[in-house]
């Protein structure tokens, strides 16, 4: 996977279970333009490796892909 092919913005949050912080669960949401299933798999694997390396105590990691509609995406006042 070409690491310069995408940008990862990390917005930390804390999951709570039974009123207590649970740091063993992480959820990653990817917002991107439509890609083929093979690219999904490569990116999921890359994310999973990076996150589990940084947080070896994780017991659960969910990676979700949310596709952007190019017709509704603007950058600096113009369609991307």
C-alpha atoms as a PDB file:
ATOM      1  CA  UNK A   1       0.000   0.000   0.000  1.00  0.00           C
ATOM      2  CA  UNK A   2       1.385   3.400  -0.988  1.00  0.00           C
ATOM      3  CA  UNK A   3       1.444   5.299   2.310  1.00  0.00           C
ATOM      4  CA  UNK A   4       1.333   8.626   0.483  1.00  0.00           C
ATOM      5  CA  UNK A   5      -1.853   7.577  -1.288  1.00  0.00           C
ATOM      6  CA  UNK A   6      -4.074   8.590   1.630  1.00  0.00           C
ATOM      7  CA  UNK A   7      -4.202  10.780   4.722  1.00  0.00           C
ATOM      8  CA  UNK A   8      -5.230   9.428   8.099  1.00  0.00           C
ATOM      9  CA  UNK A   9      -6.708  11.960  10.533  1.00  0.00           C
ATOM     10  CA  UNK A  10      -6.730  10.466  14.023  1.00  0.00           C
ATOM     11  CA  UNK A  11      -9.543  11.818  16.212  1.00  0.00           C
ATOM     12  CA  UNK A  12      -9.213  10.073  19.571  1.00  0.00           C
ATOM     13  CA  UNK A  13     -12.265   9.005  21.527  1.00  0.00           C
ATOM     14  CA  UNK A  14     -12.999   6.710  24.453  1.00  0.00           C
ATOM     15  CA  UNK A  15     -15.522   3.878  24.418  1.00  0.00           C
ATOM     16  CA  UNK A  16     -17.460   3.207  27.605  1.00  0.00           C
ATOM     17  CA  UNK A  17     -18.828  -0.144  28.792  1.00  0.00           C
ATOM     18  CA  UNK A  18     -20.817  -0.469  32.007  1.00  0.00           C
ATOM     19  CA  UNK A  19     -19.991   3.146  32.889  1.00  0.00           C
ATOM     20  CA  UNK A  20     -16.230   2.621  32.685  1.00  0.00           C
ATOM     21  CA  UNK A  21     -13.727   3.540  29.957  1.00  0.00           C
ATOM     22  CA  UNK A  22     -12.938   0.549  27.720  1.00  0.00           C
ATOM     23  CA  UNK A  23      -9.658   1.013  25.875  1.00  0.00           C
ATOM     24  CA  UNK A  24      -9.726  -2.494  24.381  1.00  0.00           C
ATOM     25  CA  UNK A  25     -12.133  -1.458  21.589  1.00  0.00           C
ATOM     26  CA  UNK A  26     -11.346   0.854  18.661  1.00  0.00           C
ATOM     27  CA  UNK A  27     -13.458   1.921  15.714  1.00  0.00           C
ATOM     28  CA  UNK A  28     -12.014   3.455  12.541  1.00  0.00           C
ATOM     29  CA  UNK A  29     -14.218   5.223  10.000  1.00  0.00           C
ATOM     30  CA  UNK A  30     -12.833   5.889   6.512  1.00  0.00           C
ATOM     31  CA  UNK A  31     -14.542   8.556   4.421  1.00  0.00           C
ATOM     32  CA  UNK A  32     -13.428   8.263   0.809  1.00  0.00           C
ATOM     33  CA  UNK A  33     -14.498   8.178  -2.786  1.00  0.00           C
ATOM     34  CA  UNK A  34     -15.686   4.826  -4.195  1.00  0.00           C
ATOM     35  CA  UNK A  35     -12.940   2.214  -4.492  1.00  0.00           C
ATOM     36  CA  UNK A  36     -12.847  -1.411  -5.560  1.00  0.00           C
ATOM     37  CA  UNK A  37     -13.123  -4.224  -2.942  1.00  0.00           C
ATOM     38  CA  UNK A  38      -9.439  -5.151  -3.330  1.00  0.00           C
ATOM     39  CA  UNK A  39      -8.421  -1.620  -2.324  1.00  0.00           C
ATOM     40  CA  UNK A  40     -10.777  -1.828   0.682  1.00  0.00           C
ATOM     41  CA  UNK A  41      -8.977  -4.984   1.820  1.00  0.00           C
ATOM     42  CA  UNK A  42      -5.501  -3.489   1.369  1.00  0.00           C
ATOM     43  CA  UNK A  43      -6.393  -0.323   3.269  1.00  0.00           C
ATOM     44  CA  UNK A  44      -8.151  -2.249   6.056  1.00  0.00           C
ATOM     45  CA  UNK A  45      -5.069  -4.424   6.493  1.00  0.00           C
ATOM     46  CA  UNK A  46      -2.769  -1.385   6.576  1.00  0.00           C
ATOM     47  CA  UNK A  47      -4.954   0.380   9.139  1.00  0.00           C
ATOM     48  CA  UNK A  48      -5.290  -2.751  11.271  1.00  0.00           C
ATOM     49  CA  UNK A  49      -1.523  -3.296  11.327  1.00  0.00           C
ATOM     50  CA  UNK A  50      -0.806   0.339  12.245  1.00  0.00           C
ATOM     51  CA  UNK A  51      -3.450   0.542  14.973  1.00  0.00           C
ATOM     52  CA  UNK A  52      -2.620  -2.807  16.587  1.00  0.00           C
ATOM     53  CA  UNK A  53       1.073  -1.918  16.549  1.00  0.00           C
ATOM     54  CA  UNK A  54       0.320   1.363  18.347  1.00  0.00           C
ATOM     55  CA  UNK A  55      -2.251  -0.217  20.705  1.00  0.00           C
ATOM     56  CA  UNK A  56      -1.275  -3.864  21.346  1.00  0.00           C
ATOM     57  CA  UNK A  57      -3.846  -4.147  24.165  1.00  0.00           C
ATOM     58  CA  UNK A  58      -6.735  -3.925  21.664  1.00  0.00           C
ATOM     59  CA  UNK A  59      -9.137  -6.832  21.672  1.00  0.00           C
ATOM     60  CA  UNK A  60     -11.522  -5.493  19.023  1.00  0.00           C
ATOM     61  CA  UNK A  61     -10.934  -3.283  15.977  1.00  0.00           C
ATOM     62  CA  UNK A  62     -13.680  -2.282  13.550  1.00  0.00           C
ATOM     63  CA  UNK A  63     -12.856  -0.562  10.247  1.00  0.00           C
ATOM     64  CA  UNK A  64     -15.766   0.958   8.297  1.00  0.00           C
ATOM     65  CA  UNK A  65     -15.658   2.487   4.827  1.00  0.00           C
ATOM     66  CA  UNK A  66     -18.096   5.312   4.110  1.00  0.00           C
ATOM     67  CA  UNK A  67     -18.171   6.306   0.443  1.00  0.00           C
ATOM     68  CA  UNK A  68     -18.354   9.975  -0.486  1.00  0.00           C
ATOM     69  CA  UNK A  69     -20.461  11.064  -3.450  1.00  0.00           C
ATOM     70  CA  UNK A  70     -18.170  13.170  -5.684  1.00  0.00           C
ATOM     71  CA  UNK A  71     -21.153  15.279  -6.780  1.00  0.00           C
ATOM     72  CA  UNK A  72     -21.676  16.462  -3.194  1.00  0.00           C
ATOM     73  CA  UNK A  73     -18.009  17.084  -2.320  1.00  0.00           C
ATOM     74  CA  UNK A  74     -16.505  20.544  -2.650  1.00  0.00           C
ATOM     75  CA  UNK A  75     -13.002  21.823  -1.996  1.00  0.00           C
ATOM     76  CA  UNK A  76     -12.432  25.602  -1.996  1.00  0.00           C
ATOM     77  CA  UNK A  77     -15.823  26.218  -3.600  1.00  0.00           C
ATOM     78  CA  UNK A  78     -15.393  23.769  -6.479  1.00  0.00           C
ATOM     79  CA  UNK A  79     -16.257  20.093  -7.001  1.00  0.00           C
ATOM     80  CA  UNK A  80     -13.278  17.899  -6.166  1.00  0.00           C
END
